[in-house]
Structure formats: C-alpha cells, structure tokens
Amino acid sequence: MAGLFISFEGIDGSGKSTQAKLLAEALENAGHDVVLTREPGGSPGAEEIRALVLQGDPDRWSAETELLLFTAARRDHMERLVNPALADGKIVITDRFADSTRMYQGMRSGDLRATVDALHDLMIGREPDVTFLIDMDPDMGLSRAKGRGGTEERFEDFGADLQRQMRQGFLNLAQDAPDRIRLVDGNRDVLDVAKDVLALANEALTHGPQS
C-alpha cells in the first residue's frame, strides 16, 4: 500500500506544530503507521543545518544562501526518512516543507520564487499529497511565537511585517493549489482546529495519495 505524505504550513506561531502532533496521535490511535517529522530537520544532517538557519542574527544569511541550505536539508530528509517511510506504506506528517521555502526565501528578499521552484524540481521532485495551511492572525501568531522563549527565533526577529507578508503569500499559494492545500482557520480553540484537520485527513486517506 502506498503511503501518504502530509505537510503542515503557516506563519510562525500559527499552531501548525501542535496540529501536526495531534493529527499524528489521532491517526496512530486509529491504527495507522505514522512518522512525524519536521523541516528543516528530520534526519541527522538536516538537523545540523536547522541549527545554522534558525539561530543567530536575522542577517546571518542571505535569502539565496538560505535557499541552498534548506534545499540541502530537504534532500537529505527525503533520502533518509521520508521516501523510505512512504515506500513502506507509512503516513508521513511533516511540520513545514517546500511551501515554507517558497514563502520565507522566495519572497523575503526580492523575488526568488522562480529559483525556489526550479531548485525544488531539480533536487526534490515531489509535493505532499495534502497540505494543511493553518491560517492565523499575524500579530497573534508573532506574539505566540515570541512567547515560547526558545532559541530558534531568527525568522520571528524579522518582525510583524514579514509575518503579514508571509501570511498573504500562503493564502495565495492555497488559491494556486486548491487540490493539495486545505485552508484551516487557526484562530480558534486548538481542539476545534484538530477536529477539522482530522476530518480532512481522513478524507485524503479515503482518496489515497496523488498519482
């Protein structure tokens, strides 16, 4: 049986990480074999790159350099974790994937979107079967993200303007890829959001992966 590849996207503080975990738990409880992972990360090499790109000064890397680092991390992640799990018929749930690169690197500094897509086609070559975009008010999301008090706040430190730009970019992506991206209102109780996500995931499981 072919596996199913699910991604969660959204601005920082949107609750996507929480929703990814809740969906993984719900599907496991229903008897599915689930792999929960994240980007950048998910494999030893990709986790090393994660520390480089998510920590430090906001101006540490240019968007172009970030694009190369994220793509290298994603390639390693796919080779070592995602593709083998899907080949074994597992459900792979990732917290962020290429849509985040399309936004954060493709839009942040000029227009690198075409470069992002070309590099993705060359080195990655696939999209998730379904993507849950957790939509969140940018100011609320930024407040949540900064309130976590962690060390991986390099992108949050770009400020509210970037969050607003990214949110609109994600909404535009949802319009461009309606067959893949499911828009979910994240400005609600966590369990209400999780209920909607699970219903949409079960629908995707019924129809199976994209060809």
C-alpha atoms as a PDB file:
ATOM      1  CA  MET A   1       0.000   0.000   0.000  1.00  0.00           C
ATOM      2  CA  ALA A   2       1.334   3.423  -0.932  1.00  0.00           C
ATOM      3  CA  GLY A   3       1.995   5.836   1.900  1.00  0.00           C
ATOM      4  CA  LEU A   4       0.515   9.301   2.313  1.00  0.00           C
ATOM      5  CA  PHE A   5       2.632  12.452   2.575  1.00  0.00           C
ATOM      6  CA  ILE A   6       1.089  15.270   4.660  1.00  0.00           C
ATOM      7  CA  SER A   7       2.599  18.688   5.381  1.00  0.00           C
ATOM      8  CA  PHE A   8       1.585  21.473   7.746  1.00  0.00           C
ATOM      9  CA  GLU A   9       2.265  25.084   6.825  1.00  0.00           C
ATOM     10  CA  GLY A  10       1.599  28.514   8.274  1.00  0.00           C
ATOM     11  CA  ILE A  11       3.265  31.561   9.722  1.00  0.00           C
ATOM     12  CA  ASP A  12       5.288  31.377  12.928  1.00  0.00           C
ATOM     13  CA  GLY A  13       3.032  30.838  15.939  1.00  0.00           C
ATOM     14  CA  SER A  14       0.086  29.588  13.870  1.00  0.00           C
ATOM     15  CA  GLY A  15      -0.187  26.362  15.852  1.00  0.00           C
ATOM     16  CA  LYS A  16       0.829  24.097  12.970  1.00  0.00           C
ATOM     17  CA  SER A  17       3.358  22.145  15.080  1.00  0.00           C
ATOM     18  CA  THR A  18       0.700  21.401  17.692  1.00  0.00           C
ATOM     19  CA  GLN A  19      -1.761  20.357  14.998  1.00  0.00           C
ATOM     20  CA  ALA A  20       0.796  18.092  13.340  1.00  0.00           C
ATOM     21  CA  LYS A  21       1.356  16.301  16.659  1.00  0.00           C
ATOM     22  CA  LEU A  22      -2.367  15.992  17.368  1.00  0.00           C
ATOM     23  CA  LEU A  23      -3.038  14.564  13.913  1.00  0.00           C
ATOM     24  CA  ALA A  24      -0.203  12.057  14.284  1.00  0.00           C
ATOM     25  CA  GLU A  25      -1.627  10.904  17.620  1.00  0.00           C
ATOM     26  CA  ALA A  26      -5.154  10.609  16.233  1.00  0.00           C
ATOM     27  CA  LEU A  27      -4.058   8.598  13.215  1.00  0.00           C
ATOM     28  CA  GLU A  28      -1.871   6.315  15.338  1.00  0.00           C
ATOM     29  CA  ASN A  29      -4.808   5.704  17.661  1.00  0.00           C
ATOM     30  CA  ALA A  30      -6.835   4.735  14.591  1.00  0.00           C
ATOM     31  CA  GLY A  31      -4.267   2.064  13.751  1.00  0.00           C
ATOM     32  CA  HIS A  32      -2.150   3.834  11.135  1.00  0.00           C
ATOM     33  CA  ASP A  33       1.642   3.657  10.985  1.00  0.00           C
ATOM     34  CA  VAL A  34       2.689   7.315  11.263  1.00  0.00           C
ATOM     35  CA  VAL A  35       6.024   9.119  11.048  1.00  0.00           C
ATOM     36  CA  LEU A  36       6.035  12.664  12.483  1.00  0.00           C
ATOM     37  CA  THR A  37       8.913  14.832  11.323  1.00  0.00           C
ATOM     38  CA  ARG A  38       9.851  18.463  10.714  1.00  0.00           C
ATOM     39  CA  GLU A  39      11.735  20.802   8.426  1.00  0.00           C
ATOM     40  CA  PRO A  40      14.378  21.856   8.416  1.00  0.00           C
ATOM     41  CA  GLY A  41      15.371  18.627  10.129  1.00  0.00           C
ATOM     42  CA  GLY A  42      14.112  15.080  10.328  1.00  0.00           C
ATOM     43  CA  SER A  43      17.487  13.463   9.643  1.00  0.00           C
ATOM     44  CA  PRO A  44      20.843  13.943  11.421  1.00  0.00           C
ATOM     45  CA  GLY A  45      22.362  16.034   8.646  1.00  0.00           C
ATOM     46  CA  ALA A  46      19.234  18.135   8.217  1.00  0.00           C
ATOM     47  CA  GLU A  47      19.067  18.789  11.968  1.00  0.00           C
ATOM     48  CA  GLU A  48      22.608  20.175  11.831  1.00  0.00           C
ATOM     49  CA  ILE A  49      21.540  22.561   9.068  1.00  0.00           C
ATOM     50  CA  ARG A  50      18.474  23.521  11.146  1.00  0.00           C
ATOM     51  CA  ALA A  51      20.718  24.957  13.847  1.00  0.00           C
ATOM     52  CA  LEU A  52      22.528  27.037  11.236  1.00  0.00           C
ATOM     53  CA  VAL A  53      19.443  28.607   9.673  1.00  0.00           C
ATOM     54  CA  LEU A  54      17.103  29.073  12.656  1.00  0.00           C
ATOM     55  CA  GLN A  55      19.510  30.515  15.207  1.00  0.00           C
ATOM     56  CA  GLY A  56      21.544  33.701  15.287  1.00  0.00           C
ATOM     57  CA  ASP A  57      21.179  37.176  13.872  1.00  0.00           C
ATOM     58  CA  PRO A  58      18.408  37.763  11.296  1.00  0.00           C
ATOM     59  CA  ASP A  59      21.018  38.981   8.789  1.00  0.00           C
ATOM     60  CA  ARG A  60      23.250  35.947   9.276  1.00  0.00           C
ATOM     61  CA  TRP A  61      22.392  34.540   5.847  1.00  0.00           C
ATOM     62  CA  SER A  62      21.055  35.997   2.621  1.00  0.00           C
ATOM     63  CA  ALA A  63      17.839  34.545   1.236  1.00  0.00           C
ATOM     64  CA  GLU A  64      19.847  32.956  -1.580  1.00  0.00           C
ATOM     65  CA  THR A  65      22.191  31.179   0.848  1.00  0.00           C
ATOM     66  CA  GLU A  66      19.243  30.081   2.976  1.00  0.00           C
ATOM     67  CA  LEU A  67      17.605  28.583  -0.105  1.00  0.00           C
ATOM     68  CA  LEU A  68      20.629  26.392  -0.754  1.00  0.00           C
ATOM     69  CA  LEU A  69      20.848  25.328   2.900  1.00  0.00           C
ATOM     70  CA  PHE A  70      17.139  24.489   3.137  1.00  0.00           C
ATOM     71  CA  THR A  71      17.254  22.536  -0.106  1.00  0.00           C
ATOM     72  CA  ALA A  72      20.263  20.544   1.093  1.00  0.00           C
ATOM     73  CA  ALA A  73      18.441  19.759   4.340  1.00  0.00           C
ATOM     74  CA  ARG A  74      15.280  18.750   2.459  1.00  0.00           C
ATOM     75  CA  ARG A  75      17.182  16.483   0.073  1.00  0.00           C
ATOM     76  CA  ASP A  76      18.791  14.645   2.990  1.00  0.00           C
ATOM     77  CA  HIS A  77      15.448  14.452   4.807  1.00  0.00           C
ATOM     78  CA  MET A  78      13.749  12.923   1.758  1.00  0.00           C
ATOM     79  CA  GLU A  79      16.530  10.421   1.083  1.00  0.00           C
ATOM     80  CA  ARG A  80      16.951   9.186   4.639  1.00  0.00           C
ATOM     81  CA  LEU A  81      13.464   9.411   6.151  1.00  0.00           C
ATOM     82  CA  VAL A  82      10.516  10.492   4.013  1.00  0.00           C
ATOM     83  CA  ASN A  83      10.938   8.385   0.875  1.00  0.00           C
ATOM     84  CA  PRO A  84      11.756   5.129   2.729  1.00  0.00           C
ATOM     85  CA  ALA A  85       8.767   5.614   5.057  1.00  0.00           C
ATOM     86  CA  LEU A  86       6.395   6.277   2.159  1.00  0.00           C
ATOM     87  CA  ALA A  87       7.753   3.224   0.332  1.00  0.00           C
ATOM     88  CA  ASP A  88       6.860   1.182   3.420  1.00  0.00           C
ATOM     89  CA  GLY A  89       3.260   2.426   3.235  1.00  0.00           C
ATOM     90  CA  LYS A  90       3.510   4.769   6.222  1.00  0.00           C
ATOM     91  CA  ILE A  91       1.812   8.142   6.690  1.00  0.00           C
ATOM     92  CA  VAL A  92       4.481  10.838   6.877  1.00  0.00           C
ATOM     93  CA  ILE A  93       3.482  14.118   8.565  1.00  0.00           C
ATOM     94  CA  THR A  94       5.977  16.947   8.306  1.00  0.00           C
ATOM     95  CA  ASP A  95       5.917  20.272  10.119  1.00  0.00           C
ATOM     96  CA  ARG A  96       6.817  22.526   7.146  1.00  0.00           C
ATOM     97  CA  PHE A  97       8.009  21.565   3.673  1.00  0.00           C
ATOM     98  CA  ALA A  98       8.719  23.347   0.390  1.00  0.00           C
ATOM     99  CA  ASP A  99       5.861  25.862   0.701  1.00  0.00           C
ATOM    100  CA  SER A 100       7.727  27.479   3.593  1.00  0.00           C
ATOM    101  CA  THR A 101      10.792  27.877   1.401  1.00  0.00           C
ATOM    102  CA  ARG A 102       8.635  29.376  -1.325  1.00  0.00           C
ATOM    103  CA  MET A 103       7.496  31.977   1.203  1.00  0.00           C
ATOM    104  CA  TYR A 104      10.389  32.729   3.528  1.00  0.00           C
ATOM    105  CA  GLN A 105      13.174  32.569   0.952  1.00  0.00           C
ATOM    106  CA  GLY A 106      11.201  33.074  -2.250  1.00  0.00           C
ATOM    107  CA  MET A 107       9.530  36.300  -1.128  1.00  0.00           C
ATOM    108  CA  ARG A 108      11.637  37.808   1.650  1.00  0.00           C
ATOM    109  CA  SER A 109      14.382  39.388  -0.441  1.00  0.00           C
ATOM    110  CA  GLY A 110      13.234  40.395  -3.882  1.00  0.00           C
ATOM    111  CA  ASP A 111      11.613  37.685  -5.985  1.00  0.00           C
ATOM    112  CA  LEU A 112      13.373  34.323  -5.752  1.00  0.00           C
ATOM    113  CA  ARG A 113      10.218  32.274  -6.220  1.00  0.00           C
ATOM    114  CA  ALA A 114      11.167  31.019  -9.682  1.00  0.00           C
ATOM    115  CA  THR A 115      14.586  29.984  -8.374  1.00  0.00           C
ATOM    116  CA  VAL A 116      12.982  28.177  -5.428  1.00  0.00           C
ATOM    117  CA  ASP A 117      10.656  26.241  -7.735  1.00  0.00           C
ATOM    118  CA  ALA A 118      13.416  25.386 -10.214  1.00  0.00           C
ATOM    119  CA  LEU A 119      15.702  24.089  -7.461  1.00  0.00           C
ATOM    120  CA  HIS A 120      12.835  22.146  -5.909  1.00  0.00           C
ATOM    121  CA  ASP A 121      12.012  20.481  -9.222  1.00  0.00           C
ATOM    122  CA  LEU A 122      15.661  19.597  -9.765  1.00  0.00           C
ATOM    123  CA  MET A 123      16.588  18.302  -6.303  1.00  0.00           C
ATOM    124  CA  ILE A 124      13.328  17.250  -4.589  1.00  0.00           C
ATOM    125  CA  GLY A 125      10.827  16.483  -7.317  1.00  0.00           C
ATOM    126  CA  ARG A 126       7.632  15.959  -5.325  1.00  0.00           C
ATOM    127  CA  GLU A 127       4.964  17.735  -3.320  1.00  0.00           C
ATOM    128  CA  PRO A 128       2.970  16.476  -0.330  1.00  0.00           C
ATOM    129  CA  ASP A 129      -0.268  14.653  -1.137  1.00  0.00           C
ATOM    130  CA  VAL A 130      -2.127  17.089   1.102  1.00  0.00           C
ATOM    131  CA  THR A 131      -1.055  20.272   2.878  1.00  0.00           C
ATOM    132  CA  PHE A 132      -2.858  21.804   5.850  1.00  0.00           C
ATOM    133  CA  LEU A 133      -2.391  25.564   5.921  1.00  0.00           C
ATOM    134  CA  ILE A 134      -3.190  26.770   9.443  1.00  0.00           C
ATOM    135  CA  ASP A 135      -4.198  30.393   8.956  1.00  0.00           C
ATOM    136  CA  MET A 136      -3.556  32.757  11.846  1.00  0.00           C
ATOM    137  CA  ASP A 137      -3.703  36.488  12.502  1.00  0.00           C
ATOM    138  CA  PRO A 138      -0.058  37.618  12.027  1.00  0.00           C
ATOM    139  CA  ASP A 139       0.130  39.752  15.176  1.00  0.00           C
ATOM    140  CA  MET A 140      -1.317  36.968  17.305  1.00  0.00           C
ATOM    141  CA  GLY A 141       0.989  34.430  15.708  1.00  0.00           C
ATOM    142  CA  LEU A 142       4.081  36.542  16.314  1.00  0.00           C
ATOM    143  CA  SER A 143       3.074  37.106  19.930  1.00  0.00           C
ATOM    144  CA  ARG A 144       2.687  33.352  20.403  1.00  0.00           C
ATOM    145  CA  ALA A 145       5.989  32.581  18.697  1.00  0.00           C
ATOM    146  CA  LYS A 146       7.991  35.121  20.704  1.00  0.00           C
ATOM    147  CA  GLY A 147       6.289  33.945  23.896  1.00  0.00           C
ATOM    148  CA  ARG A 148       7.816  30.484  23.538  1.00  0.00           C
ATOM    149  CA  GLY A 149      11.172  31.812  24.714  1.00  0.00           C
ATOM    150  CA  GLY A 150      13.203  29.394  22.601  1.00  0.00           C
ATOM    151  CA  THR A 151      16.476  29.832  20.736  1.00  0.00           C
ATOM    152  CA  GLU A 152      15.101  29.254  17.218  1.00  0.00           C
ATOM    153  CA  GLU A 153      13.651  32.721  16.705  1.00  0.00           C
ATOM    154  CA  ARG A 154      15.721  34.071  13.826  1.00  0.00           C
ATOM    155  CA  PHE A 155      12.729  34.423  11.477  1.00  0.00           C
ATOM    156  CA  GLU A 156      10.459  35.784  14.206  1.00  0.00           C
ATOM    157  CA  ASP A 157      13.060  38.501  14.764  1.00  0.00           C
ATOM    158  CA  PHE A 158      12.356  39.871  11.286  1.00  0.00           C
ATOM    159  CA  GLY A 159       9.157  41.262  12.844  1.00  0.00           C
ATOM    160  CA  ALA A 160       5.437  41.622  12.156  1.00  0.00           C
ATOM    161  CA  ASP A 161       5.758  42.974   8.613  1.00  0.00           C
ATOM    162  CA  LEU A 162       7.366  39.739   7.449  1.00  0.00           C
ATOM    163  CA  GLN A 163       4.636  37.708   9.161  1.00  0.00           C
ATOM    164  CA  ARG A 164       1.930  39.672   7.347  1.00  0.00           C
ATOM    165  CA  GLN A 165       3.740  39.241   4.034  1.00  0.00           C
ATOM    166  CA  MET A 166       4.137  35.514   4.621  1.00  0.00           C
ATOM    167  CA  ARG A 167       0.501  35.050   5.589  1.00  0.00           C
ATOM    168  CA  GLN A 168      -0.696  36.653   2.371  1.00  0.00           C
ATOM    169  CA  GLY A 169       1.778  34.572   0.426  1.00  0.00           C
ATOM    170  CA  PHE A 170       0.477  31.365   1.984  1.00  0.00           C
ATOM    171  CA  LEU A 171      -3.101  32.368   1.185  1.00  0.00           C
ATOM    172  CA  ASN A 172      -2.090  32.981  -2.424  1.00  0.00           C
ATOM    173  CA  LEU A 173      -0.481  29.528  -2.532  1.00  0.00           C
ATOM    174  CA  ALA A 174      -3.735  27.988  -1.301  1.00  0.00           C
ATOM    175  CA  GLN A 175      -5.587  29.643  -4.181  1.00  0.00           C
ATOM    176  CA  ASP A 176      -2.994  28.386  -6.672  1.00  0.00           C
ATOM    177  CA  ALA A 177      -3.045  24.772  -5.437  1.00  0.00           C
ATOM    178  CA  PRO A 178      -6.618  24.044  -4.269  1.00  0.00           C
ATOM    179  CA  ASP A 179      -6.312  20.312  -4.977  1.00  0.00           C
ATOM    180  CA  ARG A 180      -3.446  19.993  -2.499  1.00  0.00           C
ATOM    181  CA  ILE A 181      -3.768  22.750   0.097  1.00  0.00           C
ATOM    182  CA  ARG A 182      -6.560  22.726   2.687  1.00  0.00           C
ATOM    183  CA  LEU A 183      -7.063  26.073   4.420  1.00  0.00           C
ATOM    184  CA  VAL A 184      -7.902  25.746   8.130  1.00  0.00           C
ATOM    185  CA  ASP A 185      -8.853  28.646  10.420  1.00  0.00           C
ATOM    186  CA  GLY A 186      -6.329  28.574  13.271  1.00  0.00           C
ATOM    187  CA  ASN A 187      -7.906  31.473  15.212  1.00  0.00           C
ATOM    188  CA  ARG A 188      -9.980  29.016  17.268  1.00  0.00           C
ATOM    189  CA  ASP A 189      -9.676  26.548  20.109  1.00  0.00           C
ATOM    190  CA  VAL A 190      -6.907  24.020  19.471  1.00  0.00           C
ATOM    191  CA  LEU A 191      -9.241  21.021  19.677  1.00  0.00           C
ATOM    192  CA  ASP A 192     -11.739  22.566  17.266  1.00  0.00           C
ATOM    193  CA  VAL A 193      -8.941  23.066  14.756  1.00  0.00           C
ATOM    194  CA  ALA A 194      -7.725  19.492  15.321  1.00  0.00           C
ATOM    195  CA  LYS A 195     -11.203  18.115  14.673  1.00  0.00           C
ATOM    196  CA  ASP A 196     -11.368  19.817  11.281  1.00  0.00           C
ATOM    197  CA  VAL A 197      -7.841  18.689  10.386  1.00  0.00           C
ATOM    198  CA  LEU A 198      -8.616  15.062  11.251  1.00  0.00           C
ATOM    199  CA  ALA A 199     -11.774  15.097   9.131  1.00  0.00           C
ATOM    200  CA  LEU A 200      -9.820  16.445   6.160  1.00  0.00           C
ATOM    201  CA  ALA A 201      -7.029  13.916   6.718  1.00  0.00           C
ATOM    202  CA  ASN A 202      -9.481  11.033   6.764  1.00  0.00           C
ATOM    203  CA  GLU A 203     -10.929  12.313   3.502  1.00  0.00           C
ATOM    204  CA  ALA A 204      -7.417  12.330   1.988  1.00  0.00           C
ATOM    205  CA  LEU A 205      -6.806   8.804   3.248  1.00  0.00           C
ATOM    206  CA  THR A 206     -10.007   7.648   1.583  1.00  0.00           C
ATOM    207  CA  HIS A 207      -8.914   9.034  -1.786  1.00  0.00           C
ATOM    208  CA  GLY A 208      -5.303   7.902  -1.427  1.00  0.00           C
ATOM    209  CA  PRO A 209      -2.078   9.661  -2.474  1.00  0.00           C
ATOM    210  CA  GLN A 210      -1.720  11.790  -5.559  1.00  0.00           C
ATOM    211  CA  SER A 211      -0.549   9.969  -8.652  1.00  0.00           C
END
